[in-house]
N, C-alpha and C. Protein backbone atom coordinates (compact mmCIF):
# COMPACT_ATOMS: atom_id res chain seq x y z
N UNK A 1 29.45 121.70 32.86
CA UNK A 1 30.56 121.23 31.64
C UNK A 1 31.51 121.41 32.08
N UNK A 2 32.86 120.82 31.98
CA UNK A 2 34.30 120.83 32.49
C UNK A 2 34.87 121.16 31.34
N UNK A 3 35.83 122.66 31.80
CA UNK A 3 36.48 123.16 30.74
C UNK A 3 37.80 122.50 30.61
N UNK A 4 38.29 122.16 29.10
CA UNK A 4 39.41 121.39 28.75
C UNK A 4 40.68 122.31 29.23
N UNK A 5 40.75 123.45 29.15
CA UNK A 5 41.93 124.35 29.69
C UNK A 5 42.06 124.41 30.97
N UNK A 6 40.82 124.39 31.66
CA UNK A 6 41.01 124.44 33.21
C UNK A 6 41.41 122.94 33.94
N UNK A 7 40.79 121.80 32.90
CA UNK A 7 41.51 120.49 33.45
C UNK A 7 42.99 120.25 32.93
N UNK A 8 43.51 120.97 32.12
CA UNK A 8 44.93 121.01 31.72
C UNK A 8 45.83 121.82 32.81
N UNK A 9 45.22 122.80 33.35
CA UNK A 9 46.01 123.39 34.32
C UNK A 9 45.72 122.99 35.53
N UNK A 10 44.55 122.01 36.07
CA UNK A 10 44.72 121.31 37.09
C UNK A 10 45.75 120.07 37.11
N UNK A 11 45.65 119.43 36.02
CA UNK A 11 46.74 118.52 35.86
C UNK A 11 47.81 118.83 36.08
N UNK A 12 48.24 120.14 35.26
CA UNK A 12 49.96 120.75 35.27
C UNK A 12 50.17 120.94 36.89
N UNK A 13 49.15 121.56 37.70
CA UNK A 13 49.32 121.97 38.71
C UNK A 13 49.45 120.60 39.81
N UNK A 14 48.66 119.58 39.47
CA UNK A 14 48.58 118.28 40.36
C UNK A 14 49.99 117.56 40.11
N UNK A 15 50.56 117.49 38.92
CA UNK A 15 51.78 116.86 38.37
C UNK A 15 52.83 117.40 39.25
N UNK A 16 53.13 118.66 39.51
CA UNK A 16 53.99 119.36 40.18
C UNK A 16 54.61 118.88 41.66
N UNK A 17 55.72 118.44 41.66
CA UNK A 17 56.09 118.01 42.88
C UNK A 17 55.47 116.49 43.60
N UNK A 18 54.85 115.79 42.47
CA UNK A 18 54.53 114.34 42.81
C UNK A 18 55.51 113.70 43.03
N UNK A 19 55.47 112.61 43.63
CA UNK A 19 56.62 111.57 43.86
C UNK A 19 56.12 110.37 42.77
N UNK A 20 56.99 110.03 42.10
CA UNK A 20 57.13 108.68 41.05
C UNK A 20 57.21 107.48 41.76
N UNK A 21 56.75 107.60 43.30
CA UNK A 21 57.13 106.17 43.82
C UNK A 21 55.66 105.82 44.08
N UNK A 22 55.53 104.48 44.14
CA UNK A 22 54.37 104.02 44.13
C UNK A 22 53.37 104.10 45.47
N UNK A 23 52.26 104.45 45.77
CA UNK A 23 51.58 104.45 46.74
C UNK A 23 51.50 103.09 47.81
N UNK A 24 51.56 103.63 48.95
CA UNK A 24 51.80 102.57 49.69
C UNK A 24 50.47 101.88 50.09
N UNK A 25 50.53 100.61 51.06
CA UNK A 25 49.09 99.95 50.91
C UNK A 25 47.94 100.66 51.68
N UNK A 26 48.40 101.51 52.91
CA UNK A 26 47.36 102.32 53.18
C UNK A 26 46.85 103.27 52.29
N UNK A 27 47.67 103.85 51.48
CA UNK A 27 46.98 104.91 50.74
C UNK A 27 46.42 104.30 49.49
N UNK A 28 46.59 103.38 49.04
CA UNK A 28 45.70 103.01 48.19
C UNK A 28 44.35 102.20 48.66
N UNK A 29 44.76 101.92 49.68
CA UNK A 29 43.45 101.44 50.34
C UNK A 29 42.21 102.66 50.53
N UNK A 30 42.86 103.86 51.06
CA UNK A 30 42.39 104.92 51.00
C UNK A 30 41.78 105.78 49.69
N UNK A 31 42.53 105.55 48.89
CA UNK A 31 42.10 105.96 47.42
C UNK A 31 40.88 105.19 46.92
N UNK A 32 41.24 103.82 47.01
CA UNK A 32 39.84 103.04 46.70
C UNK A 32 38.46 103.46 47.50
N UNK A 33 38.64 103.57 48.86
CA UNK A 33 37.68 103.84 49.46
C UNK A 33 36.79 105.43 49.10
N UNK A 34 38.09 106.55 48.75
CA UNK A 34 37.49 107.66 48.10
C UNK A 34 36.84 107.59 47.10
N UNK A 35 37.28 106.99 45.99
CA UNK A 35 36.86 106.54 44.64
C UNK A 35 35.51 106.26 45.04
N UNK A 36 35.07 105.43 45.89
CA UNK A 36 33.58 104.89 45.87
C UNK A 36 32.99 106.13 46.44
N UNK A 37 33.42 107.08 46.83
CA UNK A 37 32.68 108.13 47.55
C UNK A 37 32.82 109.35 46.42
N UNK A 38 33.18 109.29 45.29
CA UNK A 38 33.15 110.43 44.25
C UNK A 38 31.60 110.35 43.67
N UNK A 39 31.42 111.69 43.43
CA UNK A 39 30.28 112.23 42.68
C UNK A 39 30.58 111.84 41.22
N UNK A 40 29.47 112.08 40.43
CA UNK A 40 29.92 111.81 38.90
C UNK A 40 31.03 112.94 38.17
N UNK A 41 31.13 114.07 38.79
CA UNK A 41 31.91 115.18 38.14
C UNK A 41 33.52 114.89 38.52
N UNK A 42 33.59 114.27 40.03
CA UNK A 42 35.07 113.73 40.17
C UNK A 42 35.41 112.51 39.71
N UNK A 43 34.54 111.63 39.10
CA UNK A 43 34.82 110.24 38.47
C UNK A 43 34.98 110.76 36.99
N UNK A 44 34.30 111.73 36.40
CA UNK A 44 34.66 111.85 35.18
C UNK A 44 35.94 112.84 35.10
N UNK A 45 36.53 113.66 35.77
CA UNK A 45 37.92 114.26 36.00
C UNK A 45 38.67 113.27 36.07
N UNK A 46 38.68 112.62 36.97
CA UNK A 46 39.41 111.46 37.42
C UNK A 46 39.91 110.78 36.01
N UNK A 47 38.95 110.23 35.31
CA UNK A 47 39.24 109.66 33.98
C UNK A 47 40.07 110.54 33.31
N UNK A 48 39.52 111.69 33.15
CA UNK A 48 40.36 112.57 32.18
C UNK A 48 41.81 113.07 32.46
N UNK A 49 41.91 113.20 33.69
CA UNK A 49 43.36 113.21 34.23
C UNK A 49 44.11 111.91 34.02
N UNK A 50 43.52 110.82 33.74
CA UNK A 50 44.28 109.59 33.27
C UNK A 50 44.79 109.67 32.16
N UNK A 51 43.83 110.30 31.12
CA UNK A 51 43.91 110.67 29.77
C UNK A 51 45.00 111.44 29.65
N UNK A 52 44.97 112.52 30.46
CA UNK A 52 45.99 113.84 30.23
C UNK A 52 47.45 113.32 30.65
N UNK A 53 47.34 112.17 31.76
CA UNK A 53 48.83 111.49 32.05
C UNK A 53 49.09 110.81 30.76
N UNK A 54 48.38 110.10 30.20
CA UNK A 54 49.08 109.04 29.31
C UNK A 54 49.41 110.13 28.03
N UNK A 55 48.79 111.18 27.54
CA UNK A 55 49.17 112.16 26.54
C UNK A 55 50.40 112.80 27.14
N UNK A 56 50.50 113.18 28.28
CA UNK A 56 52.05 113.86 28.75
C UNK A 56 52.86 113.00 28.55
N UNK A 57 52.93 111.91 28.61
CA UNK A 57 53.84 110.65 28.35
C UNK A 57 54.40 110.48 26.90
N UNK A 58 53.28 111.06 26.22
CA UNK A 58 53.24 110.31 24.59
C UNK A 58 53.05 109.36 24.51
N UNK A 59 52.44 108.80 24.98
CA UNK A 59 52.15 107.10 24.67
C UNK A 59 50.72 107.03 24.28
N UNK A 60 50.86 106.13 23.16
CA UNK A 60 49.62 106.09 22.20
C UNK A 60 49.09 104.55 22.55
N UNK A 61 48.16 104.02 23.10
CA UNK A 61 47.59 103.00 23.04
C UNK A 61 46.79 102.60 21.74
N UNK A 62 46.26 101.33 21.52
CA UNK A 62 45.79 100.92 20.37
C UNK A 62 44.13 101.00 20.65
N UNK A 63 43.87 101.46 22.24
CA UNK A 63 42.50 101.58 22.50
C UNK A 63 42.51 102.97 22.75
N UNK A 64 41.16 103.39 23.12
CA UNK A 64 40.63 104.50 23.70
C UNK A 64 40.91 105.05 25.33
N UNK A 65 40.69 103.66 25.92
CA UNK A 65 41.05 103.68 27.14
C UNK A 65 42.10 103.21 27.37
N UNK A 66 43.32 103.66 28.07
CA UNK A 66 44.60 103.38 28.45
C UNK A 66 44.45 102.83 29.52
N UNK A 67 45.65 102.04 29.84
CA UNK A 67 46.21 101.18 31.17
C UNK A 67 45.22 100.36 31.77
N UNK A 68 44.74 99.54 30.11
CA UNK A 68 43.76 98.12 30.49
C UNK A 68 42.63 98.50 30.98
N UNK A 69 42.13 99.79 30.88
CA UNK A 69 40.85 100.22 31.34
C UNK A 69 39.81 99.31 30.50
N UNK A 70 38.91 99.15 31.41
CA UNK A 70 37.44 98.42 30.81
C UNK A 70 36.34 99.43 30.61
N UNK A 71 35.69 99.44 29.69
CA UNK A 71 34.17 99.98 29.64
C UNK A 71 33.40 99.03 30.21
N UNK A 72 32.36 99.47 31.29
CA UNK A 72 31.40 98.75 31.99
C UNK A 72 30.01 99.57 31.79
N UNK A 73 29.11 99.04 32.01
CA UNK A 73 27.63 99.57 32.13
C UNK A 73 27.66 101.14 32.75
N UNK A 74 28.40 101.31 33.66
CA UNK A 74 28.01 102.29 34.65
C UNK A 74 29.48 103.23 34.59
N UNK A 75 30.40 103.06 33.72
CA UNK A 75 31.48 103.82 33.59
C UNK A 75 32.76 102.96 33.29
N UNK A 76 33.97 103.77 33.34
CA UNK A 76 35.19 103.10 32.88
C UNK A 76 35.66 102.74 33.98
N UNK A 77 36.34 101.36 34.17
CA UNK A 77 36.87 100.72 35.38
C UNK A 77 38.34 100.54 34.91
N UNK A 78 39.19 101.06 35.75
CA UNK A 78 40.77 100.75 35.89
C UNK A 78 41.19 99.83 37.04
N UNK A 79 41.92 99.35 36.88
CA UNK A 79 42.79 98.51 37.97
C UNK A 79 44.05 99.14 38.69
N UNK A 80 43.88 99.77 39.77
CA UNK A 80 44.85 100.44 40.46
C UNK A 80 46.11 100.09 40.14
N UNK A 81 46.61 98.73 39.80
CA UNK A 81 47.99 98.49 39.80
C UNK A 81 48.27 98.71 38.44
N UNK A 82 47.56 98.63 37.24
CA UNK A 82 48.00 98.67 35.84
C UNK A 82 48.18 100.63 35.80
N UNK A 83 47.94 101.20 36.76
CA UNK A 83 48.53 102.76 36.30
C UNK A 83 49.93 103.13 36.76
N UNK A 84 50.72 103.89 35.83
CA UNK A 84 52.06 104.17 36.38
C UNK A 84 51.93 104.68 38.02
N UNK A 85 52.96 104.78 38.59
CA UNK A 85 52.94 105.16 40.19
C UNK A 85 52.60 106.59 39.82
N UNK A 86 53.29 107.21 39.00
CA UNK A 86 53.08 109.00 39.20
C UNK A 86 51.63 109.00 38.91
N UNK A 87 51.07 108.37 38.11
CA UNK A 87 49.52 108.76 37.59
C UNK A 87 48.83 108.60 38.92
N UNK A 88 48.95 107.33 39.78
CA UNK A 88 48.40 106.91 40.95
C UNK A 88 48.41 108.21 41.83
N UNK A 89 49.65 108.69 42.17
CA UNK A 89 49.97 110.33 42.93
C UNK A 89 49.02 111.16 42.69
N UNK A 90 48.89 111.24 41.16
CA UNK A 90 48.21 112.59 40.87
C UNK A 90 46.64 112.35 40.86
N UNK A 91 46.41 111.08 40.75
CA UNK A 91 44.90 110.72 40.97
C UNK A 91 44.49 110.92 42.49
N UNK A 92 45.43 110.34 43.18
CA UNK A 92 45.12 110.55 44.79
C UNK A 92 45.03 111.76 45.12
N UNK A 93 46.12 112.74 44.64
CA UNK A 93 45.99 113.98 45.20
C UNK A 93 44.99 114.85 44.74
N UNK A 94 44.57 114.46 43.58
CA UNK A 94 43.18 115.15 43.06
C UNK A 94 41.75 114.60 44.00
N UNK A 95 41.95 113.27 44.26
CA UNK A 95 40.73 112.96 44.90
C UNK A 95 40.38 113.33 46.26
N UNK A 96 41.49 113.36 47.16
CA UNK A 96 41.86 114.08 48.22
C UNK A 96 40.99 115.43 47.90
N UNK A 97 41.66 116.55 47.36
CA UNK A 97 41.06 117.60 47.16
C UNK A 97 39.45 117.56 46.74
N UNK A 98 39.18 117.05 46.03
CA UNK A 98 37.69 116.60 45.71
C UNK A 98 36.73 116.47 46.43
N UNK A 99 37.33 115.44 47.41
CA UNK A 99 36.52 114.99 48.46
C UNK A 99 36.10 116.29 49.66
N UNK A 100 37.17 116.86 49.90
CA UNK A 100 37.23 117.77 50.55
C UNK A 100 36.37 119.08 50.19
N UNK A 101 36.20 119.29 48.53
CA UNK A 101 35.15 120.22 47.94
C UNK A 101 33.90 119.84 48.10
N UNK A 102 33.59 118.41 47.99
CA UNK A 102 32.18 117.78 48.22
C UNK A 102 31.83 118.04 49.37
N UNK A 103 32.95 117.76 50.35
CA UNK A 103 32.32 118.08 51.86
C UNK A 103 31.81 119.48 52.11
N UNK A 104 32.48 120.41 51.63
CA UNK A 104 32.53 121.85 51.94
C UNK A 104 31.03 122.30 51.10
N UNK A 105 30.71 121.77 49.89
CA UNK A 105 29.42 122.07 48.91
C UNK A 105 28.51 121.38 50.02
N UNK A 106 28.66 120.28 50.37
CA UNK A 106 27.36 119.72 51.51
C UNK A 106 27.14 120.27 52.51
N UNK A 107 28.21 120.97 53.22
CA UNK A 107 27.97 121.80 54.53
C UNK A 107 27.32 123.17 54.16
N UNK A 108 28.01 123.60 52.87
CA UNK A 108 27.22 124.97 52.63
C UNK A 108 25.84 124.70 52.16
N UNK A 109 25.43 123.64 51.65
CA UNK A 109 23.92 123.32 51.42
C UNK A 109 23.22 123.11 52.69
N UNK A 110 23.75 122.56 53.68
CA UNK A 110 23.07 122.53 55.26
C UNK A 110 22.79 123.58 56.26
N UNK A 111 23.75 124.87 55.55
CA UNK A 111 23.42 125.96 56.43
C UNK A 111 22.13 126.36 56.64
N UNK A 112 21.67 126.57 57.82
CA UNK A 112 20.33 127.18 57.82
C UNK A 112 20.23 128.41 58.01
N UNK A 113 19.67 129.17 57.04
CA UNK A 113 19.51 130.99 57.47
C UNK A 113 18.48 131.42 58.28
């Protein structure tokens, strides 16, 4: 279970010092590739971070899913270009950290004693 206060702290930490400039093409392509490799926990946190970004900007959408996101059979889908620049930067930063964490967990589980 993901702790709400921990996620707020993670969001606040990620938001600090993040650029408000859009990702370049290489960064966008890398982000899309990394999203495809996320585990369920990473996907869930990514969606929560998008919602936290929305709330931090005091934006109230008419729908539960902001930025024209769509509910699909296997989860929520967002078009990267519909997210604000800073939100993309936050998500990119989180996903890079999470991918490293996933790799470290995998390596730890592969240690032979």
